[in-house]
Amino acid sequence: MADRTGLLKTRLLAAVEAVRKLPEVNPKMVGAIGYCFGGLCALDLARYNIGLRAAVSFHGNLSPLPETELTPTSTSVQVHHGDADVHIKTPVSEFMEEMRLREADWQFTSYGKAEHGFTEP
């Protein structure tokens, strides 16, 4: 996770491009959803502003990209967060401010008393 603007970004962009090339996929209607680390990846794809329709994160890390300018994103963002999640170190207020600065269309749902991995049965 330390190299979110290098190798991880390269791999995420390659995955999106592979999906967009599938004959049954409308390349303008691609989104991303992820849980935990995948949630961080979905949020980073929104931050890269590559034309995804939506990015949804469930109990994902909220930390911003390291050492990057906060540029606008056209990707709609939805975050589902456990209020009692001790694994997420970035304050929710900082994430919300990042989304405002990125002029994002975003929604944030916090689930009271929910811990990390709250979607697992």
Protein backbone atom coordinates (compact mmCIF):
# COMPACT_ATOMS: atom_id res chain seq x y z
CA MET A 1 0.00 0.00 0.00
CA ALA A 2 2.99 2.30 0.38
CA ASP A 3 3.19 2.93 -3.38
CA ARG A 4 -0.36 4.06 -4.22
CA THR A 5 0.80 6.40 -6.99
CA GLY A 6 3.19 3.89 -8.58
CA LEU A 7 2.78 0.13 -8.92
CA LEU A 8 -0.67 -0.05 -7.31
CA LYS A 9 -1.97 2.71 -9.57
CA THR A 10 -0.52 0.98 -12.64
CA ARG A 11 -2.26 -2.27 -11.71
CA LEU A 12 -5.59 -0.61 -10.93
CA LEU A 13 -5.59 1.31 -14.20
CA ALA A 14 -4.72 -1.87 -16.13
CA ALA A 15 -7.62 -3.70 -14.49
CA VAL A 16 -10.09 -0.95 -15.38
CA GLU A 17 -8.81 -0.84 -18.95
CA ALA A 18 -9.17 -4.62 -19.27
CA VAL A 19 -12.79 -4.42 -18.11
CA ARG A 20 -13.54 -1.53 -20.47
CA LYS A 21 -12.29 -3.60 -23.42
CA LEU A 22 -14.69 -6.47 -22.79
CA PRO A 23 -17.23 -6.64 -25.63
CA GLU A 24 -20.21 -6.85 -23.28
CA VAL A 25 -19.16 -3.76 -21.29
CA ASN A 26 -20.14 -0.18 -22.01
CA PRO A 27 -16.79 1.49 -21.24
CA LYS A 28 -18.57 4.66 -20.07
CA MET A 29 -20.54 2.76 -17.42
CA VAL A 30 -17.72 1.16 -15.42
CA GLY A 31 -17.52 1.58 -11.65
CA ALA A 32 -15.53 0.14 -8.76
CA ILE A 33 -16.56 -1.41 -5.47
CA GLY A 34 -14.32 -2.74 -2.76
CA TYR A 35 -14.11 -3.96 0.80
CA CYS A 36 -11.22 -3.11 3.15
CA PHE A 37 -8.12 -2.79 0.91
CA GLY A 38 -10.41 -3.01 -2.12
CA GLY A 39 -12.36 -0.08 -0.69
CA LEU A 40 -9.18 1.97 -0.63
CA CYS A 41 -8.53 0.93 -4.24
CA ALA A 42 -12.04 2.02 -5.28
CA LEU A 43 -11.52 5.40 -3.61
CA ASP A 44 -8.11 5.79 -5.25
CA LEU A 45 -9.65 5.08 -8.66
CA ALA A 46 -12.06 7.95 -7.97
CA ARG A 47 -9.12 10.12 -6.95
CA TYR A 48 -7.32 9.33 -10.23
CA ASN A 49 -10.39 10.72 -12.05
CA ILE A 50 -10.29 8.27 -14.94
CA GLY A 51 -13.95 8.54 -15.83
CA LEU A 52 -15.48 5.87 -13.63
CA ARG A 53 -19.21 6.30 -13.06
CA ALA A 54 -19.01 5.42 -9.36
CA ALA A 55 -16.72 4.16 -6.63
CA VAL A 56 -18.09 2.43 -3.52
CA SER A 57 -16.03 1.60 -0.45
CA PHE A 58 -17.07 -0.63 2.46
CA HIS A 59 -14.85 -0.27 5.55
CA GLY A 60 -12.00 0.93 3.34
CA ASN A 61 -9.03 3.05 4.35
CA LEU A 62 -9.88 6.75 3.94
CA SER A 63 -6.34 8.14 3.71
CA PRO A 64 -5.67 10.51 0.81
CA LEU A 65 -3.12 9.81 -1.88
CA PRO A 66 0.36 10.75 -0.63
CA GLU A 67 1.90 13.95 -1.95
CA THR A 68 -0.64 14.66 -4.68
CA GLU A 69 -2.64 17.72 -5.57
CA LEU A 70 -6.34 17.53 -4.73
CA THR A 71 -7.82 17.73 -8.21
CA PRO A 72 -11.55 17.47 -8.96
CA THR A 73 -13.11 14.11 -9.72
CA SER A 74 -16.15 13.32 -11.84
CA THR A 75 -16.62 9.91 -10.18
CA SER A 76 -19.54 9.63 -7.76
CA VAL A 77 -18.28 8.30 -4.43
CA GLN A 78 -20.13 6.33 -1.78
CA VAL A 79 -18.49 5.28 1.50
CA HIS A 80 -19.88 2.84 4.08
CA HIS A 81 -17.96 3.16 7.32
CA GLY A 82 -18.16 1.48 10.70
CA ASP A 83 -18.24 4.13 13.40
CA ALA A 84 -16.32 1.83 15.78
CA ASP A 85 -13.69 0.84 13.18
CA VAL A 86 -10.34 1.24 14.94
CA HIS A 87 -8.39 0.18 11.82
CA ILE A 88 -9.23 3.36 9.90
CA LYS A 89 -6.81 6.02 11.14
CA THR A 90 -7.81 8.94 8.90
CA PRO A 91 -10.43 11.09 10.63
CA VAL A 92 -13.76 11.04 8.82
CA SER A 93 -13.80 14.85 8.80
CA GLU A 94 -10.51 14.90 6.83
CA PHE A 95 -11.92 12.52 4.23
CA MET A 96 -15.06 14.64 3.89
CA GLU A 97 -12.97 17.77 3.43
CA GLU A 98 -10.94 16.01 0.75
CA MET A 99 -14.15 15.14 -1.12
CA ARG A 100 -15.31 18.77 -0.87
CA LEU A 101 -11.98 20.03 -2.21
CA ARG A 102 -12.21 17.51 -5.06
CA GLU A 103 -15.70 18.86 -5.85
CA ALA A 104 -16.92 15.26 -5.71
CA ASP A 105 -20.47 13.97 -5.75
CA TRP A 106 -20.19 11.92 -2.57
CA GLN A 107 -22.17 10.22 0.17
CA PHE A 108 -20.84 8.95 3.47
CA THR A 109 -22.78 6.53 5.66
CA SER A 110 -21.48 5.80 9.14
CA TYR A 111 -22.90 2.77 10.92
CA GLY A 112 -23.08 3.19 14.71
CA LYS A 113 -21.23 0.59 16.80
CA ALA A 114 -20.05 -1.17 13.61
CA GLU A 115 -16.46 -2.39 13.68
CA HIS A 116 -14.06 -3.09 10.82
CA GLY A 117 -15.37 -5.79 8.51
CA PHE A 118 -18.97 -5.16 9.56
CA THR A 119 -20.26 -6.57 6.26
CA GLU A 120 -18.92 -10.05 7.03
CA PRO A 121 -21.54 -12.42 8.50
